[in-house]
N, C-alpha and C. Protein backbone atom coordinates (compact mmCIF):
# COMPACT_ATOMS: atom_id res chain seq x y z
N UNK A 1 113.55 348.71 -109.37
CA UNK A 1 114.69 348.17 -108.57
C UNK A 1 114.34 348.02 -107.17
N UNK A 2 114.56 346.92 -106.54
CA UNK A 2 114.19 346.77 -105.11
C UNK A 2 115.29 346.95 -104.16
N UNK A 3 116.57 346.87 -104.55
CA UNK A 3 117.68 346.99 -103.59
C UNK A 3 118.80 347.71 -104.20
N UNK A 4 119.63 348.13 -103.26
CA UNK A 4 120.94 348.83 -103.71
C UNK A 4 121.85 347.83 -104.43
N UNK A 5 121.86 346.66 -103.97
CA UNK A 5 122.73 345.56 -104.59
C UNK A 5 122.24 345.35 -105.95
N UNK A 6 120.92 345.33 -106.15
CA UNK A 6 120.36 345.06 -107.55
C UNK A 6 120.81 346.26 -108.49
N UNK A 7 120.84 347.45 -107.97
CA UNK A 7 121.28 348.60 -108.75
C UNK A 7 122.68 348.35 -109.27
N UNK A 8 123.53 347.92 -108.39
CA UNK A 8 124.92 347.59 -108.83
C UNK A 8 124.97 346.48 -109.84
N UNK A 9 124.30 345.38 -109.62
CA UNK A 9 124.24 344.27 -110.48
C UNK A 9 123.80 344.66 -111.90
N UNK A 10 122.84 345.56 -111.95
CA UNK A 10 122.34 345.98 -113.26
C UNK A 10 123.15 347.10 -113.93
N UNK A 11 124.24 347.58 -113.23
CA UNK A 11 125.13 348.47 -113.89
C UNK A 11 124.82 349.91 -113.56
N UNK A 12 124.04 350.25 -112.64
CA UNK A 12 123.75 351.60 -112.21
C UNK A 12 124.98 352.29 -111.55
N UNK A 13 125.16 353.50 -111.85
CA UNK A 13 126.34 354.22 -111.26
C UNK A 13 125.80 355.15 -110.08
N UNK A 14 126.54 355.11 -109.05
CA UNK A 14 126.14 355.96 -107.86
C UNK A 14 126.70 357.38 -108.18
N UNK A 15 125.74 358.36 -108.14
CA UNK A 15 126.14 359.69 -108.42
C UNK A 15 126.55 360.40 -107.14
N UNK A 16 125.65 360.26 -106.12
CA UNK A 16 125.93 360.91 -104.80
C UNK A 16 124.97 360.33 -103.82
N UNK A 17 125.09 360.74 -102.55
CA UNK A 17 124.10 360.46 -101.51
C UNK A 17 123.75 361.72 -100.82
N UNK A 18 122.55 361.79 -100.25
CA UNK A 18 122.14 363.00 -99.54
C UNK A 18 121.22 362.58 -98.39
N UNK A 19 120.95 363.50 -97.53
CA UNK A 19 120.14 363.21 -96.32
C UNK A 19 119.39 364.42 -95.89
N UNK A 20 118.16 364.22 -95.43
CA UNK A 20 117.36 365.36 -94.96
C UNK A 20 117.15 365.27 -93.45
N UNK A 21 117.92 364.37 -92.82
CA UNK A 21 117.81 364.09 -91.37
C UNK A 21 116.92 362.90 -91.04
N UNK A 22 115.88 362.65 -91.89
CA UNK A 22 114.98 361.51 -91.61
C UNK A 22 115.26 360.41 -92.58
N UNK A 23 115.69 360.68 -93.80
CA UNK A 23 115.86 359.72 -94.82
C UNK A 23 117.28 359.98 -95.48
N UNK A 24 117.83 358.84 -95.93
CA UNK A 24 119.11 358.90 -96.78
C UNK A 24 118.69 358.58 -98.21
N UNK A 25 119.11 359.40 -99.16
CA UNK A 25 118.79 359.30 -100.53
C UNK A 25 119.99 358.90 -101.34
N UNK A 26 119.82 357.79 -102.07
CA UNK A 26 120.91 357.33 -102.97
C UNK A 26 120.50 357.74 -104.40
N UNK A 27 121.41 358.53 -105.02
CA UNK A 27 121.16 358.99 -106.32
C UNK A 27 122.02 358.21 -107.31
N UNK A 28 121.35 357.64 -108.36
CA UNK A 28 121.98 356.84 -109.30
C UNK A 28 121.74 357.31 -110.74
N UNK A 29 122.62 356.91 -111.69
CA UNK A 29 122.42 357.08 -113.07
C UNK A 29 122.24 355.67 -113.68
N UNK A 30 121.18 355.45 -114.21
CA UNK A 30 120.87 354.06 -114.73
C UNK A 30 120.03 354.13 -116.08
N UNK A 31 120.51 353.54 -117.11
CA UNK A 31 119.85 353.49 -118.34
C UNK A 31 119.47 354.95 -118.86
N UNK A 32 120.42 355.87 -118.74
CA UNK A 32 120.27 357.20 -119.24
C UNK A 32 119.37 358.06 -118.41
N UNK A 33 119.01 357.58 -117.18
CA UNK A 33 118.11 358.44 -116.34
C UNK A 33 118.64 358.50 -114.90
N UNK A 34 118.33 359.57 -114.21
CA UNK A 34 118.63 359.68 -112.78
C UNK A 34 117.50 358.91 -112.04
N UNK A 35 118.00 358.12 -111.07
CA UNK A 35 117.00 357.43 -110.21
C UNK A 35 117.45 357.66 -108.74
N UNK A 36 116.48 357.82 -107.86
CA UNK A 36 116.77 357.97 -106.44
C UNK A 36 116.01 357.00 -105.62
N UNK A 37 116.70 356.41 -104.63
CA UNK A 37 116.13 355.45 -103.73
C UNK A 37 116.28 356.10 -102.34
N UNK A 38 115.24 356.00 -101.56
CA UNK A 38 115.23 356.58 -100.15
C UNK A 38 115.06 355.52 -99.12
N UNK A 39 115.76 355.61 -97.99
CA UNK A 39 115.62 354.74 -96.84
C UNK A 39 115.68 355.53 -95.61
N UNK A 40 114.98 355.02 -94.55
CA UNK A 40 115.06 355.73 -93.22
C UNK A 40 116.53 355.87 -92.79
N UNK A 41 116.81 356.98 -92.23
CA UNK A 41 118.30 357.32 -91.83
C UNK A 41 118.60 356.69 -90.53
N UNK A 42 118.52 355.35 -90.47
CA UNK A 42 118.95 354.64 -89.29
C UNK A 42 119.33 353.19 -89.63
N UNK A 43 120.30 352.73 -89.04
CA UNK A 43 120.77 351.25 -89.20
C UNK A 43 120.89 350.90 -90.59
N UNK A 44 121.64 351.52 -91.38
CA UNK A 44 121.89 351.23 -92.72
C UNK A 44 123.22 350.49 -92.88
N UNK A 45 123.33 349.58 -93.86
CA UNK A 45 124.53 348.97 -94.14
C UNK A 45 125.34 349.89 -95.10
N UNK A 46 126.69 349.79 -94.93
CA UNK A 46 127.54 350.60 -95.80
C UNK A 46 127.43 350.17 -97.17
N UNK A 47 127.40 351.09 -98.13
CA UNK A 47 127.35 350.80 -99.54
C UNK A 47 128.77 350.71 -100.10
N UNK A 48 129.76 351.04 -99.27
CA UNK A 48 131.14 351.02 -99.70
C UNK A 48 131.68 349.73 -100.30
N UNK A 49 131.28 348.56 -99.83
CA UNK A 49 131.73 347.30 -100.45
C UNK A 49 131.31 347.22 -101.90
N UNK A 50 130.10 347.76 -102.21
CA UNK A 50 129.59 347.69 -103.56
C UNK A 50 130.12 348.86 -104.43
N UNK A 51 130.07 350.05 -103.83
CA UNK A 51 130.47 351.25 -104.49
C UNK A 51 131.58 351.91 -103.64
N UNK A 52 132.91 351.72 -103.87
CA UNK A 52 133.94 352.30 -103.06
C UNK A 52 133.85 353.77 -102.89
N UNK A 53 133.28 354.46 -103.95
CA UNK A 53 133.09 355.93 -103.86
C UNK A 53 132.14 356.42 -102.80
N UNK A 54 131.36 355.48 -102.31
CA UNK A 54 130.36 355.85 -101.29
C UNK A 54 130.99 356.14 -99.90
N UNK A 55 132.21 355.78 -99.79
CA UNK A 55 132.95 355.98 -98.50
C UNK A 55 132.86 357.42 -98.03
N UNK A 56 133.17 358.40 -98.86
CA UNK A 56 133.18 359.77 -98.46
C UNK A 56 131.75 360.25 -98.25
N UNK A 57 130.84 359.86 -99.04
CA UNK A 57 129.46 360.30 -98.93
C UNK A 57 128.90 359.84 -97.53
N UNK A 58 129.20 358.59 -97.19
CA UNK A 58 128.71 358.05 -95.97
C UNK A 58 129.40 358.76 -94.76
N UNK A 59 130.71 359.02 -94.85
CA UNK A 59 131.36 359.74 -93.80
C UNK A 59 130.78 361.09 -93.58
N UNK A 60 130.44 361.79 -94.62
CA UNK A 60 129.76 363.06 -94.54
C UNK A 60 128.44 363.02 -93.79
N UNK A 61 127.66 361.98 -94.21
CA UNK A 61 126.32 361.86 -93.57
C UNK A 61 126.43 361.41 -92.13
N UNK A 62 127.42 360.57 -91.83
CA UNK A 62 127.67 360.21 -90.41
C UNK A 62 127.98 361.45 -89.55
N UNK A 63 128.81 362.29 -90.08
CA UNK A 63 129.24 363.49 -89.32
C UNK A 63 128.17 364.55 -89.26
N UNK A 64 127.50 364.83 -90.39
CA UNK A 64 126.52 365.93 -90.39
C UNK A 64 125.18 365.49 -89.80
N UNK A 65 124.74 364.27 -89.97
CA UNK A 65 123.37 363.91 -89.58
C UNK A 65 123.37 362.76 -88.53
N UNK A 66 124.48 362.22 -88.21
CA UNK A 66 124.57 361.13 -87.23
C UNK A 66 124.03 359.80 -87.71
N UNK A 67 123.96 359.64 -89.07
CA UNK A 67 123.57 358.36 -89.61
C UNK A 67 124.60 357.33 -89.36
N UNK A 68 124.24 356.15 -89.00
CA UNK A 68 125.14 355.01 -88.78
C UNK A 68 125.13 354.08 -90.03
N UNK A 69 126.30 353.70 -90.56
CA UNK A 69 126.41 352.83 -91.61
C UNK A 69 127.29 351.61 -91.12
N UNK A 70 126.58 350.50 -90.87
CA UNK A 70 127.20 349.35 -90.39
C UNK A 70 128.20 348.76 -91.35
N UNK A 71 129.37 348.41 -90.95
CA UNK A 71 130.42 347.83 -91.88
C UNK A 71 131.22 348.89 -92.61
N UNK A 72 131.04 350.12 -92.30
CA UNK A 72 131.83 351.12 -92.97
C UNK A 72 133.34 350.95 -92.61
N UNK A 73 134.23 350.96 -93.69
CA UNK A 73 135.59 350.55 -93.50
C UNK A 73 136.43 351.60 -92.74
N UNK A 74 136.00 352.88 -92.67
CA UNK A 74 136.72 353.93 -92.13
C UNK A 74 135.87 355.04 -91.58
N UNK A 75 135.18 354.81 -90.51
CA UNK A 75 134.12 355.71 -90.01
C UNK A 75 134.75 356.91 -89.15
N UNK A 76 135.66 357.63 -89.84
CA UNK A 76 136.32 358.79 -89.25
C UNK A 76 135.69 360.17 -89.72
N UNK A 77 135.80 361.15 -88.94
CA UNK A 77 135.21 362.46 -89.25
C UNK A 77 135.99 363.08 -90.47
N UNK A 78 135.27 363.75 -91.30
CA UNK A 78 135.85 364.54 -92.39
C UNK A 78 136.08 365.94 -92.11
N UNK A 79 135.23 366.54 -91.33
CA UNK A 79 135.25 368.04 -91.25
C UNK A 79 135.82 368.55 -89.90
N UNK A 80 135.72 367.84 -88.81
CA UNK A 80 136.18 368.29 -87.49
C UNK A 80 137.16 367.38 -86.86
């Protein structure tokens, strides 16, 4: 798979998102297997339009790691 949009088109389910400070990891379940895609943790587009459940994952990463998700519908803090 080359893109996050392609993952959605092919029916992959977003399990969660994580970050190590340098990269954002998108964890999917696709065709009976877990798959992870990694991208540098800067200037990312929000995945919320494709996967509404990504809203909270992105908000968590914004607050904890300072990752910016362009086009996020509700970029508010979760924890503070």
